[in-house]
Amino acid sequence: MEEYFNRLYCKKEEFLDEFGEVTSVAATLLNGEWQPNHTANETTRKNLEYFFSKGEVNDLVFDSASVYHNENGFSSVQIILKSSHRLVNVRVRNVFGKMTGEKIIDRLVD
């Protein structure tokens, strides 16, 4: 079944409000290397910007999420997580009503 892009989320709190179940699948897939932070806000983002500029973000943090739909509605989401030294892309799919996850990219960055 064909998918099409539906929406891009750049603010973690907006994404978590709508797709909490998806984030728990991603967190489980990553064995706790990333945990959704439900208290994110502008202050959190500003602090992360500062620490990224210094190369001091060691834990994976939410960067963005792309939501895809098919003719039946929600079909999958790709979540981009990053630290100062790593980039991870996780895809969570809705397969017959069950959420399944897979790691698409996990690489070190300069």
N, C-alpha and C. Protein backbone atom coordinates (compact mmCIF):
# COMPACT_ATOMS: atom_id res chain seq x y z
N MET A 1 0.84 -1.17 0.00
CA MET A 1 0.00 0.00 0.00
C MET A 1 0.89 1.24 0.00
N GLU A 2 0.58 2.20 -0.81
CA GLU A 2 1.38 3.42 -0.92
C GLU A 2 1.18 4.34 0.27
N GLU A 3 2.30 4.93 0.69
CA GLU A 3 2.27 5.92 1.76
C GLU A 3 2.50 7.30 1.18
N TYR A 4 2.02 8.30 1.89
CA TYR A 4 2.32 9.68 1.52
C TYR A 4 2.60 10.48 2.79
N PHE A 5 3.46 11.46 2.63
CA PHE A 5 3.82 12.33 3.75
C PHE A 5 2.59 13.10 4.21
N ASN A 6 2.42 13.15 5.54
CA ASN A 6 1.27 13.85 6.11
C ASN A 6 1.68 15.09 6.89
N ARG A 7 2.70 14.94 7.76
CA ARG A 7 3.06 16.07 8.62
C ARG A 7 4.46 15.90 9.18
N LEU A 8 5.14 17.04 9.37
CA LEU A 8 6.45 17.08 10.01
C LEU A 8 6.30 17.73 11.38
N TYR A 9 6.81 17.07 12.41
CA TYR A 9 6.81 17.61 13.76
C TYR A 9 8.23 18.02 14.12
N CYS A 10 8.40 19.28 14.50
CA CYS A 10 9.71 19.76 14.96
C CYS A 10 9.71 20.01 16.47
N LYS A 11 8.54 20.09 17.05
CA LYS A 11 8.43 20.27 18.51
C LYS A 11 8.01 18.95 19.13
N LYS A 12 8.87 18.48 20.01
CA LYS A 12 8.66 17.18 20.63
C LYS A 12 7.34 17.09 21.37
N GLU A 13 6.96 18.14 22.09
CA GLU A 13 5.74 18.07 22.88
C GLU A 13 4.48 17.91 22.02
N GLU A 14 4.48 18.52 20.83
CA GLU A 14 3.34 18.36 19.92
C GLU A 14 3.28 16.91 19.41
N PHE A 15 4.43 16.37 19.07
CA PHE A 15 4.49 15.00 18.59
C PHE A 15 4.06 14.03 19.69
N LEU A 16 4.57 14.21 20.90
CA LEU A 16 4.24 13.31 22.00
C LEU A 16 2.76 13.35 22.34
N ASP A 17 2.15 14.52 22.24
CA ASP A 17 0.72 14.63 22.53
C ASP A 17 -0.11 13.74 21.61
N GLU A 18 0.29 13.63 20.37
CA GLU A 18 -0.49 12.87 19.40
C GLU A 18 -0.02 11.43 19.19
N PHE A 19 1.25 11.16 19.47
CA PHE A 19 1.81 9.85 19.13
C PHE A 19 2.58 9.21 20.28
N GLY A 20 2.05 9.28 21.48
CA GLY A 20 2.71 8.71 22.64
C GLY A 20 2.99 7.22 22.51
N GLU A 21 2.04 6.47 21.96
CA GLU A 21 2.21 5.02 21.79
C GLU A 21 3.39 4.71 20.88
N VAL A 22 3.55 5.52 19.84
CA VAL A 22 4.64 5.33 18.89
C VAL A 22 5.99 5.54 19.58
N THR A 23 6.08 6.54 20.44
CA THR A 23 7.36 6.81 21.10
C THR A 23 7.75 5.69 22.05
N SER A 24 6.77 5.03 22.66
CA SER A 24 7.12 3.91 23.54
C SER A 24 7.69 2.74 22.74
N VAL A 25 7.20 2.52 21.53
CA VAL A 25 7.75 1.48 20.65
C VAL A 25 9.19 1.83 20.30
N ALA A 26 9.44 3.10 19.94
CA ALA A 26 10.80 3.53 19.59
C ALA A 26 11.74 3.41 20.78
N ALA A 27 11.30 3.81 21.97
CA ALA A 27 12.14 3.73 23.16
C ALA A 27 12.49 2.28 23.48
N THR A 28 11.53 1.38 23.35
CA THR A 28 11.77 -0.05 23.59
C THR A 28 12.77 -0.59 22.58
N LEU A 29 12.60 -0.22 21.31
CA LEU A 29 13.52 -0.66 20.26
C LEU A 29 14.96 -0.24 20.56
N LEU A 30 15.11 0.94 21.14
CA LEU A 30 16.45 1.46 21.43
C LEU A 30 16.96 1.06 22.82
N ASN A 31 16.27 0.14 23.47
CA ASN A 31 16.71 -0.39 24.77
C ASN A 31 17.03 0.70 25.79
N GLY A 32 16.21 1.73 25.83
CA GLY A 32 16.38 2.78 26.83
C GLY A 32 17.42 3.83 26.48
N GLU A 33 18.03 3.76 25.30
CA GLU A 33 19.00 4.78 24.91
C GLU A 33 18.33 6.13 24.67
N TRP A 34 17.03 6.11 24.47
CA TRP A 34 16.25 7.34 24.34
C TRP A 34 14.96 7.16 25.11
N GLN A 35 14.61 8.15 25.89
CA GLN A 35 13.34 8.17 26.60
C GLN A 35 12.64 9.48 26.26
N PRO A 36 11.37 9.41 25.84
CA PRO A 36 10.64 10.65 25.54
C PRO A 36 10.54 11.53 26.78
N ASN A 37 10.82 12.80 26.60
CA ASN A 37 10.73 13.78 27.68
C ASN A 37 9.45 14.57 27.49
N HIS A 38 8.47 14.31 28.32
CA HIS A 38 7.15 14.93 28.17
C HIS A 38 7.11 16.36 28.71
N THR A 39 8.21 16.86 29.24
CA THR A 39 8.22 18.22 29.79
C THR A 39 8.95 19.21 28.89
N ALA A 40 9.17 18.85 27.65
CA ALA A 40 9.90 19.73 26.72
C ALA A 40 9.14 21.03 26.49
N ASN A 41 9.91 22.12 26.34
CA ASN A 41 9.34 23.43 26.02
C ASN A 41 10.43 24.28 25.37
N GLU A 42 10.14 25.55 25.15
CA GLU A 42 11.12 26.44 24.48
C GLU A 42 12.42 26.54 25.27
N THR A 43 12.34 26.58 26.58
CA THR A 43 13.55 26.67 27.40
C THR A 43 14.42 25.43 27.20
N THR A 44 13.79 24.28 27.17
CA THR A 44 14.53 23.04 26.93
C THR A 44 15.23 23.08 25.58
N ARG A 45 14.51 23.55 24.56
CA ARG A 45 15.10 23.63 23.21
C ARG A 45 16.28 24.60 23.18
N LYS A 46 16.16 25.75 23.84
CA LYS A 46 17.26 26.72 23.87
C LYS A 46 18.48 26.14 24.57
N ASN A 47 18.25 25.43 25.68
CA ASN A 47 19.36 24.80 26.39
C ASN A 47 20.05 23.75 25.50
N LEU A 48 19.25 22.95 24.80
CA LEU A 48 19.82 21.94 23.90
C LEU A 48 20.62 22.59 22.78
N GLU A 49 20.12 23.69 22.22
CA GLU A 49 20.86 24.41 21.17
C GLU A 49 22.24 24.80 21.68
N TYR A 50 22.28 25.34 22.89
CA TYR A 50 23.55 25.77 23.47
C TYR A 50 24.50 24.58 23.62
N PHE A 51 24.01 23.49 24.23
CA PHE A 51 24.88 22.34 24.47
C PHE A 51 25.28 21.63 23.18
N PHE A 52 24.41 21.66 22.15
CA PHE A 52 24.81 21.13 20.84
C PHE A 52 25.93 21.98 20.25
N SER A 53 25.85 23.28 20.41
CA SER A 53 26.89 24.15 19.87
C SER A 53 28.25 23.89 20.53
N LYS A 54 28.23 23.38 21.75
CA LYS A 54 29.46 23.04 22.47
C LYS A 54 29.85 21.58 22.29
N GLY A 55 29.00 20.79 21.59
CA GLY A 55 29.29 19.37 21.40
C GLY A 55 29.13 18.55 22.65
N GLU A 56 28.25 18.98 23.56
CA GLU A 56 28.13 18.35 24.87
C GLU A 56 26.82 17.58 25.10
N VAL A 57 26.10 17.26 24.04
CA VAL A 57 24.86 16.48 24.21
C VAL A 57 25.22 15.02 23.97
N ASN A 58 25.28 14.25 25.05
CA ASN A 58 25.69 12.85 24.96
C ASN A 58 24.52 11.90 24.78
N ASP A 59 23.34 12.27 25.27
CA ASP A 59 22.16 11.42 25.15
C ASP A 59 21.39 11.75 23.88
N LEU A 60 20.71 10.75 23.33
CA LEU A 60 19.85 10.98 22.17
C LEU A 60 18.67 11.84 22.58
N VAL A 61 18.37 12.83 21.74
CA VAL A 61 17.22 13.70 21.96
C VAL A 61 16.40 13.79 20.67
N PHE A 62 15.15 14.10 20.81
CA PHE A 62 14.24 14.24 19.68
C PHE A 62 14.69 15.40 18.80
N ASP A 63 14.73 15.16 17.50
CA ASP A 63 15.01 16.23 16.54
C ASP A 63 13.76 16.55 15.73
N SER A 64 13.15 15.51 15.15
CA SER A 64 11.94 15.72 14.36
C SER A 64 11.26 14.38 14.10
N ALA A 65 10.05 14.45 13.59
CA ALA A 65 9.32 13.23 13.24
C ALA A 65 8.47 13.51 12.01
N SER A 66 8.49 12.59 11.08
CA SER A 66 7.68 12.69 9.85
C SER A 66 6.61 11.62 9.91
N VAL A 67 5.37 12.05 9.77
CA VAL A 67 4.23 11.13 9.83
C VAL A 67 3.75 10.83 8.42
N TYR A 68 3.46 9.56 8.17
CA TYR A 68 2.99 9.11 6.87
C TYR A 68 1.63 8.44 7.01
N HIS A 69 0.82 8.62 5.99
CA HIS A 69 -0.50 7.99 5.93
C HIS A 69 -0.61 7.15 4.67
N ASN A 70 -1.58 6.26 4.67
CA ASN A 70 -1.98 5.55 3.46
C ASN A 70 -3.49 5.74 3.33
N GLU A 71 -4.11 4.97 2.49
CA GLU A 71 -5.55 5.17 2.26
C GLU A 71 -6.39 4.88 3.51
N ASN A 72 -5.82 4.19 4.50
CA ASN A 72 -6.53 3.88 5.74
C ASN A 72 -6.22 4.84 6.88
N GLY A 73 -5.40 5.85 6.64
CA GLY A 73 -5.00 6.78 7.70
C GLY A 73 -3.56 6.57 8.09
N PHE A 74 -3.24 6.76 9.38
CA PHE A 74 -1.87 6.65 9.86
C PHE A 74 -1.26 5.31 9.47
N SER A 75 -0.04 5.37 8.89
CA SER A 75 0.65 4.13 8.52
C SER A 75 2.03 4.01 9.16
N SER A 76 2.75 5.13 9.31
CA SER A 76 4.08 5.04 9.92
C SER A 76 4.58 6.42 10.31
N VAL A 77 5.65 6.39 11.07
CA VAL A 77 6.33 7.62 11.46
C VAL A 77 7.83 7.33 11.48
N GLN A 78 8.61 8.30 11.04
CA GLN A 78 10.06 8.23 11.17
C GLN A 78 10.48 9.28 12.17
N ILE A 79 11.20 8.85 13.19
CA ILE A 79 11.65 9.74 14.26
C ILE A 79 13.16 9.90 14.13
N ILE A 80 13.59 11.15 14.06
CA ILE A 80 15.02 11.46 14.01
C ILE A 80 15.46 11.84 15.43
N LEU A 81 16.45 11.12 15.92
CA LEU A 81 17.03 11.38 17.24
C LEU A 81 18.50 11.69 17.03
N LYS A 82 19.02 12.59 17.86
CA LYS A 82 20.44 12.91 17.68
C LYS A 82 21.09 13.27 19.01
N SER A 83 22.39 13.14 19.02
CA SER A 83 23.23 13.65 20.09
C SER A 83 24.34 14.43 19.38
N SER A 84 25.29 14.90 20.13
CA SER A 84 26.40 15.63 19.50
C SER A 84 27.26 14.72 18.63
N HIS A 85 27.15 13.41 18.84
CA HIS A 85 28.05 12.49 18.15
C HIS A 85 27.34 11.35 17.43
N ARG A 86 26.01 11.37 17.41
CA ARG A 86 25.27 10.23 16.85
C ARG A 86 23.95 10.69 16.24
N LEU A 87 23.54 9.99 15.18
CA LEU A 87 22.26 10.24 14.52
C LEU A 87 21.54 8.90 14.39
N VAL A 88 20.27 8.87 14.82
CA VAL A 88 19.46 7.66 14.75
C VAL A 88 18.13 8.00 14.10
N ASN A 89 17.71 7.15 13.17
CA ASN A 89 16.41 7.28 12.53
C ASN A 89 15.65 5.98 12.81
N VAL A 90 14.52 6.11 13.49
CA VAL A 90 13.69 4.97 13.83
C VAL A 90 12.37 5.10 13.09
N ARG A 91 11.92 4.00 12.51
CA ARG A 91 10.62 3.98 11.84
C ARG A 91 9.70 3.06 12.62
N VAL A 92 8.51 3.57 12.93
CA VAL A 92 7.47 2.76 13.59
C VAL A 92 6.31 2.68 12.62
N ARG A 93 5.89 1.45 12.33
CA ARG A 93 4.81 1.20 11.37
C ARG A 93 3.59 0.62 12.07
N ASN A 94 2.46 0.95 11.52
CA ASN A 94 1.20 0.35 11.93
C ASN A 94 0.94 -0.83 10.98
N VAL A 95 1.15 -2.04 11.50
CA VAL A 95 0.97 -3.25 10.69
C VAL A 95 -0.24 -4.00 11.23
N PHE A 96 -1.35 -3.86 10.52
CA PHE A 96 -2.61 -4.50 10.92
C PHE A 96 -2.98 -4.16 12.36
N GLY A 97 -2.81 -2.87 12.72
CA GLY A 97 -3.20 -2.41 14.04
C GLY A 97 -2.16 -2.60 15.12
N LYS A 98 -1.01 -3.17 14.79
CA LYS A 98 0.06 -3.38 15.77
C LYS A 98 1.26 -2.53 15.38
N MET A 99 1.81 -1.81 16.35
CA MET A 99 2.97 -0.96 16.10
C MET A 99 4.24 -1.79 16.17
N THR A 100 5.04 -1.70 15.10
CA THR A 100 6.33 -2.40 15.04
C THR A 100 7.41 -1.39 14.68
N GLY A 101 8.57 -1.54 15.26
CA GLY A 101 9.65 -0.59 15.02
C GLY A 101 10.86 -1.21 14.38
N GLU A 102 11.61 -0.37 13.68
CA GLU A 102 12.89 -0.79 13.09
C GLU A 102 13.82 0.41 13.08
N LYS A 103 15.10 0.11 13.24
CA LYS A 103 16.11 1.16 13.18
C LYS A 103 16.56 1.29 11.73
N ILE A 104 16.41 2.47 11.16
CA ILE A 104 16.78 2.71 9.77
C ILE A 104 18.25 3.15 9.68
N ILE A 105 18.62 4.08 10.53
CA ILE A 105 19.99 4.62 10.54
C ILE A 105 20.46 4.70 11.99
N ASP A 106 21.70 4.34 12.21
CA ASP A 106 22.35 4.55 13.50
C ASP A 106 23.83 4.74 13.18
N ARG A 107 24.24 5.99 13.16
CA ARG A 107 25.62 6.25 12.77
C ARG A 107 26.23 7.37 13.60
N LEU A 108 27.53 7.36 13.66
CA LEU A 108 28.27 8.42 14.32
C LEU A 108 28.35 9.62 13.40
N VAL A 109 28.37 10.80 13.98
CA VAL A 109 28.49 12.05 13.21
C VAL A 109 29.67 12.84 13.75
N ASP A 110 30.22 13.68 12.90
CA ASP A 110 31.36 14.52 13.31
C ASP A 110 30.88 15.76 14.02
